[in-house]
Amino acid sequence: MARPPPRPIKRLLVCNRGEIATRVISAANELDIPTYAVYTSTDTSHVLYATHAIELPSPASYLDIPHLISLIKSHGIDAVHPGYGFLSESAEFSRRVWEEAGAVVVGPGWEILEKTGDKLRARALAEECSVPVTPALRTPTNDISTIRAFADRIGYPVMIKAVDGGGGRGIRLVQHASELESLATRAIEESPSRLVYAEKAAVDGFRHIEVQIVGDGEGGVRHLWERECSIQRRWQKVIEVAPSTIRDRGLVEKVIEAAVRMAEKVNALPNTLIRQHGLEAPGRQTPEH
C-alpha cells in the first residue's frame, strides 16, 4: 500500500500554526468538517475559528510524531492536515499515522513522500527523468571537511541545504572558503536529521520557477502552468508572479515538460509542486490549495 484509500473526513486535526492553520481551518469550515487545532500557550491566533483546540506542551511538539499520534487516538480523529513545513513532507509521519492510529494524512501518501520529501532523492528522481541538475554531493553528511572538499573541487559559491529542511531553514549560501565552516555548522544545526548536502549555487542570473501539478494518482498528470518566485527574503518567497517574467517561452516550456515527467514518474496526486531552482520536488499539498 502506497497511501490510504480515499474516504470522507469526519474529524480533521490541523498540525500547524498561524496563517497556515487558519487557511486550512477556514477551508474545512466551508465544508462543515469539524476541526481540531493544536497550539502553544504563546501562539493561539489560529484557534479562533477551530471547532476544538488542543494545547501542546511546547513548540517542539509540532514535530513530535508519537505525541501527535496519541492525540489522534484520544480524540477519535480520522484525518490530519499538516499544512506545509513541519511534518508535511515526512513519509514516516504519513505512514505511522495510518498504521498506528488509522487516520489519513492529507497529501500524496508515504510512497511519493519517500521519493520527493528528501532533496537528494528529488535530485535523483530528476536525473532519472533526464532533467538537468547542478553538481552536488550525492550523499548527505554532517562532515564539514567533506563539504569543503566538494566546494574546493566545484568552486564557489556553493549552497548548503538540509536534506530534510523546509521553510527556508537549513539553507546557507557560501560565497568564500573562509565562511564555510560557520555557515555549514548553522545549516547542520537547523536540519531535523542533522544531515546536509552541498550543490553549486544557482544564484546569479538564475530564476526560481515553480510548476503546479495536478494528478489523479493513477498516472494522469496535468500542469497548471508556472509561477516565478525569484523575489525572496531569507530563502522564503515574498512575491509570486504568474506567469513568469521569462520572455523565452520555449525555455519555460522545457521547465514545464520536465516537471510533468517527474510527476508522471511518481504518479503525482493533486497539487504537487516542482521547483526548478536548486531542484526540489516537495510532495506536500501546496499553500495555495
Protein backbone atom coordinates (compact mmCIF):
# COMPACT_ATOMS: atom_id res chain seq x y z
CA MET A 1 0.00 0.00 0.00
CA ALA A 2 1.41 3.39 -1.06
CA ARG A 3 -1.25 5.51 0.66
CA PRO A 4 -4.57 5.05 2.49
CA PRO A 5 -7.74 4.66 0.43
CA PRO A 6 -9.84 7.84 -0.02
CA ARG A 7 -12.74 8.33 2.37
CA PRO A 8 -14.86 11.20 3.77
CA ILE A 9 -13.29 13.27 6.56
CA LYS A 10 -15.24 13.44 9.81
CA ARG A 11 -12.73 14.98 12.23
CA LEU A 12 -9.72 16.92 10.99
CA LEU A 13 -6.61 17.63 13.05
CA VAL A 14 -4.66 20.64 11.75
CA CYS A 15 -0.99 20.07 12.65
CA ASN A 16 0.26 23.57 12.02
CA ARG A 17 0.03 27.10 13.32
CA GLY A 18 -0.57 30.72 12.37
CA GLU A 19 -1.77 31.70 8.93
CA ILE A 20 -1.18 28.22 7.53
CA ALA A 21 -3.51 26.62 10.07
CA THR A 22 -6.04 29.44 9.66
CA ARG A 23 -6.33 28.76 5.92
CA VAL A 24 -6.86 25.03 6.45
CA ILE A 25 -9.44 25.61 9.20
CA SER A 26 -11.30 28.12 7.04
CA ALA A 27 -11.48 25.67 4.13
CA ALA A 28 -12.69 22.89 6.44
CA ASN A 29 -15.37 25.17 7.90
CA GLU A 30 -16.72 25.81 4.40
CA LEU A 31 -17.13 22.02 4.05
CA ASP A 32 -18.69 21.66 7.53
CA ILE A 33 -15.81 19.48 8.70
CA PRO A 34 -15.13 19.71 12.48
CA THR A 35 -11.56 20.83 13.13
CA TYR A 36 -9.06 20.30 15.95
CA ALA A 37 -6.36 22.96 16.21
CA VAL A 38 -3.14 22.44 18.15
CA TYR A 39 -1.44 25.40 19.79
CA THR A 40 1.06 26.51 22.42
CA SER A 41 0.35 28.98 25.21
CA THR A 42 2.12 31.84 23.41
CA ASP A 43 0.72 31.13 19.94
CA THR A 44 -3.06 30.94 19.80
CA SER A 45 -4.26 33.19 16.97
CA HIS A 46 -5.15 30.32 14.64
CA VAL A 47 -7.50 28.52 17.06
CA LEU A 48 -10.20 31.20 16.93
CA TYR A 49 -12.31 29.52 14.25
CA ALA A 50 -11.49 25.89 15.03
CA THR A 51 -14.16 23.62 16.47
CA HIS A 52 -11.79 22.32 19.15
CA ALA A 53 -8.37 23.40 20.45
CA ILE A 54 -5.67 21.18 21.97
CA GLU A 55 -2.72 22.72 23.82
CA LEU A 56 0.72 21.30 23.11
CA PRO A 57 3.46 21.01 25.74
CA SER A 58 5.92 23.07 23.67
CA PRO A 59 6.61 24.31 20.11
CA ALA A 60 8.73 21.17 19.58
CA SER A 61 5.53 19.13 19.84
CA TYR A 62 4.61 20.14 16.27
CA LEU A 63 7.35 17.70 15.23
CA ASP A 64 6.71 15.06 17.91
CA ILE A 65 5.19 12.18 15.94
CA PRO A 66 4.42 9.89 18.94
CA HIS A 67 2.70 12.74 20.80
CA LEU A 68 0.62 13.72 17.78
CA ILE A 69 -0.41 10.11 17.22
CA SER A 70 -1.56 9.90 20.85
CA LEU A 71 -3.72 13.00 20.29
CA ILE A 72 -5.21 11.45 17.15
CA LYS A 73 -6.17 8.32 19.05
CA SER A 74 -7.55 10.05 22.13
CA HIS A 75 -9.76 12.43 20.14
CA GLY A 76 -11.00 9.95 17.55
CA ILE A 77 -9.53 11.93 14.67
CA ASP A 78 -9.70 10.32 11.22
CA ALA A 79 -7.72 12.83 9.13
CA VAL A 80 -4.72 15.10 9.63
CA HIS A 81 -3.76 18.15 7.58
CA PRO A 82 -0.07 19.01 8.12
CA GLY A 83 -0.19 22.28 6.17
CA TYR A 84 3.32 22.98 4.90
CA GLY A 85 6.60 22.98 6.75
CA PHE A 86 6.77 20.92 9.95
CA LEU A 87 5.80 17.29 9.11
CA SER A 88 4.14 17.98 5.75
CA GLU A 89 6.88 16.17 3.80
CA SER A 90 7.51 13.39 6.32
CA ALA A 91 6.89 9.93 4.89
CA GLU A 92 7.33 8.50 8.39
CA PHE A 93 4.54 10.69 9.78
CA SER A 94 2.17 9.80 6.94
CA ARG A 95 2.80 6.07 7.31
CA ARG A 96 2.72 5.92 11.12
CA VAL A 97 -0.50 7.96 11.41
CA TRP A 98 -2.20 5.39 9.18
CA GLU A 99 -0.64 2.27 10.63
CA GLU A 100 -0.80 3.23 14.32
CA ALA A 101 -3.90 5.42 14.50
CA GLY A 102 -5.94 4.54 11.41
CA ALA A 103 -6.03 8.19 10.32
CA VAL A 104 -5.19 9.68 6.95
CA VAL A 105 -2.64 12.47 6.44
CA VAL A 106 -3.94 14.78 3.72
CA GLY A 107 -1.37 14.59 0.94
CA PRO A 108 0.11 12.24 -1.63
CA GLY A 109 0.95 9.30 0.64
CA TRP A 110 4.19 8.00 2.07
CA GLU A 111 5.47 6.31 -1.08
CA ILE A 112 5.58 9.58 -3.01
CA LEU A 113 6.92 11.46 0.01
CA GLU A 114 9.77 8.97 0.28
CA LYS A 115 10.76 9.85 -3.28
CA THR A 116 10.27 13.61 -3.05
CA GLY A 117 10.49 14.82 0.55
CA ASP A 118 14.25 14.31 0.70
CA LYS A 119 16.05 16.83 -1.53
CA LEU A 120 18.74 14.37 -2.60
CA ARG A 121 16.13 11.81 -3.60
CA ALA A 122 14.33 14.54 -5.55
CA ARG A 123 17.57 15.26 -7.39
CA ALA A 124 17.97 11.56 -8.15
CA LEU A 125 14.41 11.49 -9.46
CA ALA A 126 15.17 14.46 -11.70
CA GLU A 127 18.25 12.80 -13.13
CA GLU A 128 16.24 9.63 -13.72
CA CYS A 129 13.82 11.75 -15.74
CA SER A 130 16.64 13.40 -17.76
CA VAL A 131 16.22 16.76 -16.04
CA PRO A 132 19.44 18.83 -15.85
CA VAL A 133 20.68 19.48 -12.31
CA THR A 134 23.60 21.39 -10.83
CA PRO A 135 26.65 19.47 -9.50
CA ALA A 136 26.08 18.29 -5.92
CA LEU A 137 27.21 15.93 -3.19
CA ARG A 138 25.36 12.67 -3.71
CA THR A 139 25.22 11.54 -0.09
CA PRO A 140 24.07 13.50 2.98
CA THR A 141 26.72 14.40 5.52
CA ASN A 142 27.48 16.38 8.66
CA ASP A 143 31.21 16.32 7.99
CA ILE A 144 32.43 19.83 7.22
CA SER A 145 35.65 18.56 5.64
CA THR A 146 33.56 16.64 3.08
CA ILE A 147 31.60 19.78 2.24
CA ARG A 148 34.82 21.80 1.99
CA ALA A 149 36.40 19.26 -0.37
CA PHE A 150 33.34 19.46 -2.63
CA ALA A 151 33.38 23.27 -2.64
CA ASP A 152 37.11 23.36 -3.42
CA ARG A 153 36.57 20.95 -6.31
CA ILE A 154 33.48 22.55 -7.83
CA GLY A 155 34.23 26.18 -7.00
CA TYR A 156 32.39 28.85 -5.01
CA PRO A 157 29.68 29.90 -4.46
CA VAL A 158 28.01 26.77 -3.12
CA MET A 159 24.67 26.26 -1.43
CA ILE A 160 24.44 24.08 1.68
CA LYS A 161 20.99 22.59 2.30
CA ALA A 162 19.44 20.41 4.95
CA VAL A 163 18.28 17.25 3.17
CA ASP A 164 15.00 17.41 5.10
CA GLY A 165 14.76 21.13 5.74
CA GLY A 166 11.85 23.38 4.85
CA GLY A 167 10.58 26.91 5.24
CA GLY A 168 13.96 28.41 4.38
CA ARG A 169 15.65 26.71 7.34
CA GLY A 170 18.86 24.77 6.92
CA ILE A 171 19.95 26.73 3.85
CA ARG A 172 23.19 28.72 3.66
CA LEU A 173 24.87 30.39 0.68
CA VAL A 174 28.66 30.16 0.97
CA GLN A 175 30.49 32.71 -1.17
CA HIS A 176 34.02 32.22 0.20
CA ALA A 177 36.01 29.40 1.78
CA SER A 178 36.60 31.44 4.95
CA GLU A 179 32.90 31.36 5.86
CA LEU A 180 32.17 27.74 5.03
CA GLU A 181 32.69 26.21 8.48
CA SER A 182 30.41 28.61 10.36
CA LEU A 183 27.65 28.53 7.74
CA ALA A 184 27.78 24.75 7.35
CA THR A 185 27.52 24.36 11.12
CA ARG A 186 24.37 26.51 11.19
CA ALA A 187 22.78 24.54 8.35
CA ILE A 188 23.51 21.24 10.11
CA GLU A 189 22.01 22.56 13.36
CA GLU A 190 18.79 23.51 11.55
CA SER A 191 18.38 20.12 9.84
CA PRO A 192 15.97 17.78 11.69
CA SER A 193 18.24 14.84 10.80
CA ARG A 194 21.45 16.87 11.27
CA LEU A 195 22.38 16.00 7.69
CA VAL A 196 23.04 18.34 4.77
CA TYR A 197 24.36 18.27 1.25
CA ALA A 198 26.02 20.89 -0.92
CA GLU A 199 25.46 21.93 -4.52
CA LYS A 200 26.83 24.51 -6.91
CA ALA A 201 24.86 27.66 -6.09
CA ALA A 202 22.44 28.84 -8.77
CA VAL A 203 22.06 32.45 -7.67
CA ASP A 204 23.49 34.89 -10.22
CA GLY A 205 21.27 35.24 -13.27
CA PHE A 206 19.02 32.34 -12.28
CA ARG A 207 15.27 32.42 -11.64
CA HIS A 208 13.15 30.48 -9.14
CA ILE A 209 10.37 28.85 -11.17
CA GLU A 210 7.68 26.56 -9.80
CA VAL A 211 5.26 24.37 -11.75
CA GLN A 212 1.94 23.41 -10.24
CA ILE A 213 0.87 19.84 -10.94
CA VAL A 214 -2.49 18.10 -10.70
CA GLY A 215 -2.62 14.32 -10.89
CA ASP A 216 -5.07 11.52 -10.22
CA GLY A 217 -2.57 9.13 -8.60
CA GLU A 218 -3.06 6.68 -11.46
CA GLY A 219 -0.62 8.19 -13.93
CA GLY A 220 -2.80 11.01 -15.24
CA VAL A 221 -0.90 14.30 -14.81
CA ARG A 222 -1.61 17.87 -15.92
CA HIS A 223 0.25 21.10 -15.22
CA LEU A 224 -1.31 24.41 -14.21
CA TRP A 225 1.47 26.45 -15.80
CA GLU A 226 4.29 28.10 -13.94
CA ARG A 227 4.89 30.87 -11.45
CA GLU A 228 8.02 32.82 -10.59
CA CYS A 229 9.22 33.23 -7.01
CA SER A 230 12.60 34.87 -7.55
CA ILE A 231 11.98 37.74 -5.11
CA GLN A 232 12.86 36.23 -1.74
CA ARG A 233 13.98 37.10 1.76
CA ARG A 234 15.95 34.52 3.75
CA TRP A 235 15.15 31.92 1.07
CA GLN A 236 11.42 32.47 1.55
CA LYS A 237 9.21 33.71 -1.26
CA VAL A 238 7.98 37.28 -0.84
CA ILE A 239 6.22 37.79 -4.18
CA GLU A 240 4.86 35.24 -6.64
CA VAL A 241 4.26 36.20 -10.26
CA ALA A 242 2.26 34.15 -12.76
CA PRO A 243 3.12 33.64 -15.49
CA SER A 244 6.86 34.12 -15.01
CA THR A 245 8.64 37.17 -16.41
CA ILE A 246 10.91 35.00 -18.58
CA ARG A 247 10.45 36.11 -22.16
CA ASP A 248 11.77 32.91 -23.68
CA ARG A 249 8.60 30.81 -23.55
CA GLY A 250 10.45 27.97 -25.21
CA LEU A 251 12.66 27.72 -22.14
CA VAL A 252 9.62 27.85 -19.86
CA GLU A 253 8.04 25.06 -21.88
CA LYS A 254 11.10 22.88 -21.25
CA VAL A 255 10.81 23.55 -17.50
CA ILE A 256 7.13 22.59 -17.52
CA GLU A 257 7.77 19.45 -19.54
CA ALA A 258 10.49 18.41 -17.08
CA ALA A 259 8.13 18.93 -14.15
CA VAL A 260 5.44 16.82 -15.80
CA ARG A 261 7.91 13.99 -16.48
CA MET A 262 8.87 13.92 -12.81
CA ALA A 263 5.26 13.99 -11.68
CA GLU A 264 4.34 11.14 -14.03
CA LYS A 265 7.23 9.10 -12.66
CA VAL A 266 5.82 9.18 -9.12
CA ASN A 267 2.10 9.15 -10.05
CA ALA A 268 1.61 12.58 -8.51
CA LEU A 269 -1.58 13.38 -6.65
CA PRO A 270 -3.38 16.77 -6.68
CA ASN A 271 -1.38 19.95 -6.12
CA THR A 272 2.15 18.66 -6.19
CA LEU A 273 4.82 21.29 -6.71
CA ILE A 274 8.02 21.08 -8.75
CA ARG A 275 10.67 23.74 -8.14
CA GLN A 276 13.21 24.34 -10.90
CA HIS A 277 15.84 26.20 -8.91
CA GLY A 278 18.25 24.05 -7.00
CA LEU A 279 15.94 21.21 -7.97
CA GLU A 280 13.30 20.17 -5.41
CA ALA A 281 10.05 18.28 -5.67
CA PRO A 282 8.11 18.75 -2.43
CA GLY A 283 5.31 16.21 -2.43
CA ARG A 284 3.10 18.04 0.05
CA GLN A 285 -0.11 19.89 -0.63
CA THR A 286 0.84 23.44 -1.57
CA PRO A 287 -0.14 26.60 0.34
CA GLU A 288 -2.45 27.68 -2.48
CA HIS A 289 -4.54 24.50 -2.26
